[in-house]
Amino acid sequence: MKRDMKQLLGGAGALSGATTSALWRAGWLLCLCAWLWSPGIRAAAPPATSAAPKPTAEAQTPLGFDLPGYWVSIVTQNWRFRMVVPTRGDYAEIPINLKAKQFADAWNPAPDEAAGKQCEAYGAAAIMRVPERLHVSWQDASTLQVQTDSGMQTRLLHFAPTAADASAAASWQGYSVAHWELHAAPFGPPPPAGAKPKPQYGGMQVMTTHMLPGLLRKNGVPYSGKAQMSEYWEVNGEPDGDQWLTVTTELQDPVYLQTPFYFTSIFQKEPDGSKWDPTPCSLTQ
């Protein structure tokens, strides 16, 4: 009986010790939390720092890439396709398939003119080949605006595309997404040991989709609404002050082209817009 009472009292003592230890730990945690959340501690905490704003596309323009201003087409290649309306069946240098040839052979400009489609030969896939002047400006810090006097078209090159814009309806100029392709200076002394060269030279890449079906030439050579176009824009200057814009284009069309269609358009910068001559679209001249 005495042994049983000792065991019982011993067990009660152990339970009392465990309870005391648990209560002590809970009290210590409660005091720590109160100390951490006290106004004095909060006031002493360092203020949160916000991330630096990302530079705009305009601010990131590569050195020497002086794009805003007026530019005129330099037609030194494909003169007979660009300066005059080519004859029916003259489809040289475009990798069209049989379906495209059949379309072009049967095409007639009169119904399209009557239907208000005279700008179908001034769509994004063809506009840089039209003899023209360009007026390039920043619509805002993230969007370049490219206007043409021939056909009076406007291309918008978006450096900060949005989902709403990308889902917009198809149009003659489609939807273009642009970004800078930057690299370090190709010449000059190397950077100090361990230093990473700052990318500050380069060009602009543009991808265009959401285009309405149009014409690559005014003799009926078509491109479809499934066509996609990628471009690389490069600006080069010369010691005499002349500036040149070169736009290299790759057009892919699973409907009317056998292979991608590559072409290059060259422009020279003009001092001002005194020769700017807005002219409406036409399928016959």
Protein backbone atom coordinates (compact mmCIF):
# COMPACT_ATOMS: atom_id res chain seq x y z
CA MET A 1 0.00 0.00 0.00
CA LYS A 2 2.79 2.47 0.89
CA ARG A 3 4.64 1.48 -2.26
CA ASP A 4 1.51 2.22 -4.34
CA MET A 5 1.08 5.67 -2.68
CA LYS A 6 4.73 6.55 -3.47
CA GLN A 7 4.27 5.54 -7.07
CA LEU A 8 1.09 7.62 -7.28
CA LEU A 9 2.71 10.66 -5.68
CA GLY A 10 5.79 10.24 -7.86
CA GLY A 11 3.61 10.18 -10.99
CA ALA A 12 1.75 13.30 -9.84
CA GLY A 13 5.06 15.05 -9.26
CA ALA A 14 6.27 14.15 -12.76
CA LEU A 15 3.02 15.40 -14.26
CA SER A 16 3.28 18.62 -12.28
CA GLY A 17 6.87 19.13 -13.53
CA ALA A 18 5.87 18.55 -17.16
CA THR A 19 2.96 20.97 -16.84
CA THR A 20 5.19 23.62 -15.29
CA SER A 21 7.75 23.24 -18.08
CA ALA A 22 5.08 23.55 -20.78
CA LEU A 23 3.59 26.63 -19.12
CA TRP A 24 7.05 28.21 -18.85
CA ARG A 25 7.74 27.67 -22.56
CA ALA A 26 4.35 29.08 -23.55
CA GLY A 27 4.91 32.14 -21.42
CA TRP A 28 8.37 32.70 -22.91
CA LEU A 29 6.99 32.51 -26.48
CA LEU A 30 4.17 34.90 -25.57
CA CYS A 31 6.65 37.44 -24.18
CA LEU A 32 8.86 37.10 -27.29
CA CYS A 33 5.93 37.72 -29.62
CA ALA A 34 4.82 40.75 -27.60
CA TRP A 35 8.36 42.14 -27.74
CA LEU A 36 8.67 41.62 -31.51
CA TRP A 37 5.33 43.25 -32.21
CA SER A 38 5.78 46.20 -29.88
CA PRO A 39 5.58 49.69 -31.55
CA GLY A 40 9.18 50.40 -30.63
CA ILE A 41 10.46 47.37 -32.49
CA ARG A 42 8.30 48.12 -35.52
CA ALA A 43 9.58 51.69 -35.60
CA ALA A 44 13.17 50.49 -35.45
CA ALA A 45 12.72 48.05 -38.37
CA PRO A 46 14.29 49.31 -41.66
CA PRO A 47 11.72 50.58 -44.20
CA ALA A 48 10.93 48.35 -47.15
CA THR A 49 12.63 49.47 -50.37
CA SER A 50 10.71 49.40 -53.68
CA ALA A 51 12.37 47.99 -56.79
CA ALA A 52 13.79 50.52 -59.23
CA PRO A 53 11.45 51.12 -62.21
CA LYS A 54 12.39 49.27 -65.37
CA PRO A 55 13.77 51.56 -68.11
CA THR A 56 11.35 52.26 -70.93
CA ALA A 57 11.95 51.05 -74.47
CA GLU A 58 12.72 54.62 -75.55
CA ALA A 59 15.33 54.95 -72.79
CA GLN A 60 16.94 51.66 -73.87
CA THR A 61 17.41 52.73 -77.50
CA PRO A 62 20.83 51.47 -78.70
CA LEU A 63 23.56 54.03 -79.24
CA GLY A 64 23.48 55.42 -82.77
CA PHE A 65 19.99 54.05 -83.44
CA ASP A 66 18.56 57.42 -84.44
CA LEU A 67 15.26 56.15 -85.84
CA PRO A 68 12.76 59.03 -85.28
CA GLY A 69 12.49 61.32 -88.30
CA TYR A 70 11.80 61.05 -92.03
CA TRP A 71 13.15 58.33 -94.32
CA VAL A 72 12.88 57.77 -98.09
CA SER A 73 12.95 54.44 -99.96
CA ILE A 74 16.10 53.64 -101.93
CA VAL A 75 14.95 51.43 -104.81
CA THR A 76 18.12 49.76 -106.06
CA GLN A 77 16.69 46.25 -106.40
CA ASN A 78 13.52 44.80 -107.92
CA TRP A 79 12.86 48.11 -109.65
CA ARG A 80 10.43 46.60 -112.18
CA PHE A 81 8.32 45.07 -109.43
CA ARG A 82 8.31 48.09 -107.12
CA MET A 83 8.22 51.20 -109.31
CA VAL A 84 5.56 50.01 -111.79
CA VAL A 85 2.63 47.62 -111.55
CA PRO A 86 3.96 44.24 -112.77
CA THR A 87 2.06 42.43 -115.49
CA ARG A 88 -0.14 39.43 -114.82
CA GLY A 89 1.91 36.30 -114.44
CA ASP A 90 5.11 38.14 -113.47
CA TYR A 91 5.67 36.42 -110.13
CA ALA A 92 9.45 36.06 -110.25
CA GLU A 93 11.45 35.87 -107.00
CA ILE A 94 8.46 35.11 -104.76
CA PRO A 95 8.28 31.39 -103.75
CA ILE A 96 4.54 31.06 -104.38
CA ASN A 97 2.83 27.68 -104.60
CA LEU A 98 0.27 26.50 -107.13
CA LYS A 99 -2.65 27.80 -105.07
CA ALA A 100 -1.15 31.30 -105.03
CA LYS A 101 -0.49 31.21 -108.80
CA GLN A 102 -4.08 30.21 -109.48
CA PHE A 103 -5.30 33.02 -107.24
CA ALA A 104 -3.08 35.62 -108.96
CA ASP A 105 -3.93 34.42 -112.46
CA ALA A 106 -7.64 34.91 -111.75
CA TRP A 107 -7.31 38.14 -109.73
CA ASN A 108 -8.98 41.34 -110.98
CA PRO A 109 -8.40 44.71 -109.25
CA ALA A 110 -11.78 46.20 -110.18
CA PRO A 111 -13.96 44.17 -107.76
CA ASP A 112 -11.49 44.75 -104.91
CA GLU A 113 -11.40 48.50 -105.61
CA ALA A 114 -15.21 48.56 -105.60
CA ALA A 115 -15.26 46.62 -102.32
CA GLY A 116 -12.98 49.16 -100.63
CA LYS A 117 -9.96 46.82 -100.54
CA GLN A 118 -7.56 49.10 -102.42
CA CYS A 119 -5.20 49.04 -99.42
CA GLU A 120 -4.68 45.27 -99.64
CA ALA A 121 -1.37 45.90 -101.45
CA TYR A 122 -0.24 48.20 -98.59
CA GLY A 123 -0.55 45.68 -95.73
CA ALA A 124 2.26 44.95 -93.30
CA ALA A 125 3.72 42.17 -95.46
CA ALA A 126 4.19 44.53 -98.43
CA ILE A 127 4.30 48.10 -97.10
CA MET A 128 8.08 48.33 -96.64
CA ARG A 129 8.56 47.48 -100.34
CA VAL A 130 6.26 50.27 -101.55
CA PRO A 131 8.25 53.31 -102.83
CA GLU A 132 7.52 55.81 -100.07
CA ARG A 133 8.61 58.00 -97.25
CA LEU A 134 8.40 56.95 -93.61
CA HIS A 135 7.79 59.18 -90.63
CA VAL A 136 8.96 57.42 -87.46
CA SER A 137 8.19 58.76 -83.98
CA TRP A 138 7.55 57.55 -80.43
CA GLN A 139 3.81 57.42 -79.80
CA ASP A 140 4.70 56.80 -76.16
CA ALA A 141 7.77 55.51 -74.33
CA SER A 142 6.93 51.90 -75.24
CA THR A 143 5.43 52.22 -78.74
CA LEU A 144 7.07 53.25 -82.00
CA GLN A 145 4.81 54.71 -84.70
CA VAL A 146 5.76 54.25 -88.35
CA GLN A 147 3.67 56.25 -90.85
CA THR A 148 3.90 55.98 -94.64
CA ASP A 149 2.97 58.70 -97.13
CA SER A 150 2.21 56.08 -99.82
CA GLY A 151 -1.12 54.57 -98.84
CA MET A 152 -1.19 56.67 -95.65
CA GLN A 153 -0.67 53.64 -93.42
CA THR A 154 0.37 53.53 -89.75
CA ARG A 155 2.29 50.71 -88.11
CA LEU A 156 2.57 50.51 -84.33
CA LEU A 157 5.52 48.57 -82.92
CA HIS A 158 4.75 47.53 -79.33
CA PHE A 159 7.63 47.02 -76.88
CA ALA A 160 5.16 46.39 -74.04
CA PRO A 161 2.35 44.30 -75.55
CA THR A 162 -0.79 43.58 -73.58
CA ALA A 163 -3.14 40.62 -73.78
CA ALA A 164 -5.98 42.93 -74.85
CA ASP A 165 -3.93 44.40 -77.70
CA ALA A 166 -2.66 41.02 -78.88
CA SER A 167 -6.22 39.70 -79.15
CA ALA A 168 -7.37 42.63 -81.30
CA ALA A 169 -9.07 42.00 -84.63
CA ALA A 170 -6.93 41.51 -87.73
CA SER A 171 -6.02 44.63 -89.71
CA TRP A 172 -3.93 45.63 -92.72
CA GLN A 173 -0.91 46.39 -90.52
CA GLY A 174 -1.55 43.55 -88.08
CA TYR A 175 -0.15 43.52 -84.56
CA SER A 176 3.62 44.03 -84.17
CA VAL A 177 5.70 43.20 -81.09
CA ALA A 178 9.18 44.74 -80.95
CA HIS A 179 12.23 44.33 -78.74
CA TRP A 180 15.80 45.57 -78.74
CA GLU A 181 18.55 43.11 -79.51
CA LEU A 182 21.50 44.57 -77.62
CA HIS A 183 25.17 43.67 -77.54
CA ALA A 184 28.41 45.22 -76.34
CA ALA A 185 30.58 47.39 -78.58
CA PRO A 186 32.28 45.22 -81.22
CA PHE A 187 35.39 47.43 -81.27
CA GLY A 188 37.48 49.39 -78.80
CA PRO A 189 39.47 48.40 -75.70
CA PRO A 190 38.24 45.40 -73.70
CA PRO A 191 36.51 46.04 -70.36
CA PRO A 192 38.54 45.82 -67.12
CA ALA A 193 39.21 42.35 -65.78
CA GLY A 194 36.10 40.88 -64.21
CA ALA A 195 33.83 43.64 -65.54
CA LYS A 196 30.88 42.68 -67.70
CA PRO A 197 30.58 44.82 -70.85
CA LYS A 198 27.38 46.84 -70.95
CA PRO A 199 25.13 45.99 -73.91
CA GLN A 200 24.41 49.31 -75.61
CA TYR A 201 24.59 48.70 -79.35
CA GLY A 202 22.27 46.70 -81.55
CA GLY A 203 19.08 46.68 -83.57
CA MET A 204 15.36 46.03 -83.32
CA GLN A 205 13.47 42.80 -83.91
CA VAL A 206 9.78 42.92 -84.85
CA MET A 207 7.26 40.09 -85.10
CA THR A 208 3.94 40.81 -86.84
CA THR A 209 0.77 38.68 -86.77
CA HIS A 210 -3.01 39.32 -87.00
CA MET A 211 -2.75 40.54 -90.60
CA LEU A 212 -5.70 40.67 -92.96
CA PRO A 213 -5.18 38.75 -96.22
CA GLY A 214 -3.46 41.02 -98.72
CA LEU A 215 -1.26 41.29 -101.80
CA LEU A 216 2.52 41.12 -102.04
CA ARG A 217 2.34 42.74 -105.48
CA LYS A 218 -0.33 44.68 -107.33
CA ASN A 219 -0.69 41.92 -109.92
CA GLY A 220 -2.52 39.68 -107.48
CA VAL A 221 0.25 37.74 -105.68
CA PRO A 222 -1.48 36.95 -102.35
CA TYR A 223 -0.61 36.35 -98.74
CA SER A 224 -3.11 34.89 -96.29
CA GLY A 225 -4.40 35.77 -92.85
CA LYS A 226 -2.16 33.00 -91.46
CA ALA A 227 1.01 34.76 -92.59
CA GLN A 228 3.57 35.81 -89.98
CA MET A 229 6.40 38.27 -90.51
CA SER A 230 9.66 38.81 -88.65
CA GLU A 231 11.90 41.80 -89.30
CA TYR A 232 15.29 43.06 -88.18
CA TRP A 233 15.75 46.86 -88.26
CA GLU A 234 19.26 48.29 -88.32
CA VAL A 235 20.45 51.91 -88.49
CA ASN A 236 23.93 52.78 -89.76
CA GLY A 237 25.64 56.14 -90.10
CA GLU A 238 28.50 57.33 -92.28
CA PRO A 239 31.23 59.92 -91.58
CA ASP A 240 29.57 62.38 -93.98
CA GLY A 241 26.42 62.32 -91.84
CA ASP A 242 24.28 60.09 -94.07
CA GLN A 243 22.11 57.61 -92.18
CA TRP A 244 20.67 54.39 -93.55
CA LEU A 245 17.85 52.18 -92.32
CA THR A 246 17.90 48.54 -93.41
CA VAL A 247 14.86 46.34 -92.77
CA THR A 248 15.44 42.64 -93.41
CA THR A 249 12.19 40.66 -93.61
CA GLU A 250 11.18 37.01 -93.44
CA LEU A 251 7.58 36.27 -94.39
CA GLN A 252 6.09 32.83 -93.70
CA ASP A 253 2.72 31.82 -95.10
CA PRO A 254 1.56 28.17 -94.93
CA VAL A 255 -1.25 28.90 -97.39
CA TYR A 256 0.46 30.60 -100.35
CA LEU A 257 4.24 30.22 -100.00
CA GLN A 258 6.36 27.13 -100.58
CA THR A 259 9.23 28.49 -98.48
CA PRO A 260 9.80 31.67 -96.45
CA PHE A 261 10.05 34.84 -98.57
CA TYR A 262 13.09 36.98 -97.71
CA PHE A 263 13.63 40.57 -98.82
CA THR A 264 15.48 43.70 -97.73
CA SER A 265 14.22 47.29 -97.79
CA ILE A 266 16.64 50.23 -97.57
CA PHE A 267 15.84 53.83 -96.58
CA GLN A 268 17.93 57.00 -96.32
CA LYS A 269 17.23 59.60 -93.65
CA GLU A 270 16.07 63.03 -94.79
CA PRO A 271 16.72 66.30 -92.93
CA ASP A 272 13.01 67.12 -92.51
CA GLY A 273 9.51 66.35 -93.75
CA SER A 274 9.41 68.91 -96.57
CA LYS A 275 9.02 66.14 -99.18
CA TRP A 276 6.32 64.27 -97.28
CA ASP A 277 3.49 63.59 -99.76
CA PRO A 278 0.49 61.62 -98.41
CA THR A 279 -1.14 59.60 -101.22
CA PRO A 280 -4.15 57.25 -100.86
CA CYS A 281 -3.98 53.52 -101.63
CA SER A 282 -4.35 52.40 -105.23
CA LEU A 283 -4.27 49.01 -106.93
CA THR A 284 -3.63 50.39 -110.40
CA GLN A 285 -0.67 52.74 -109.94
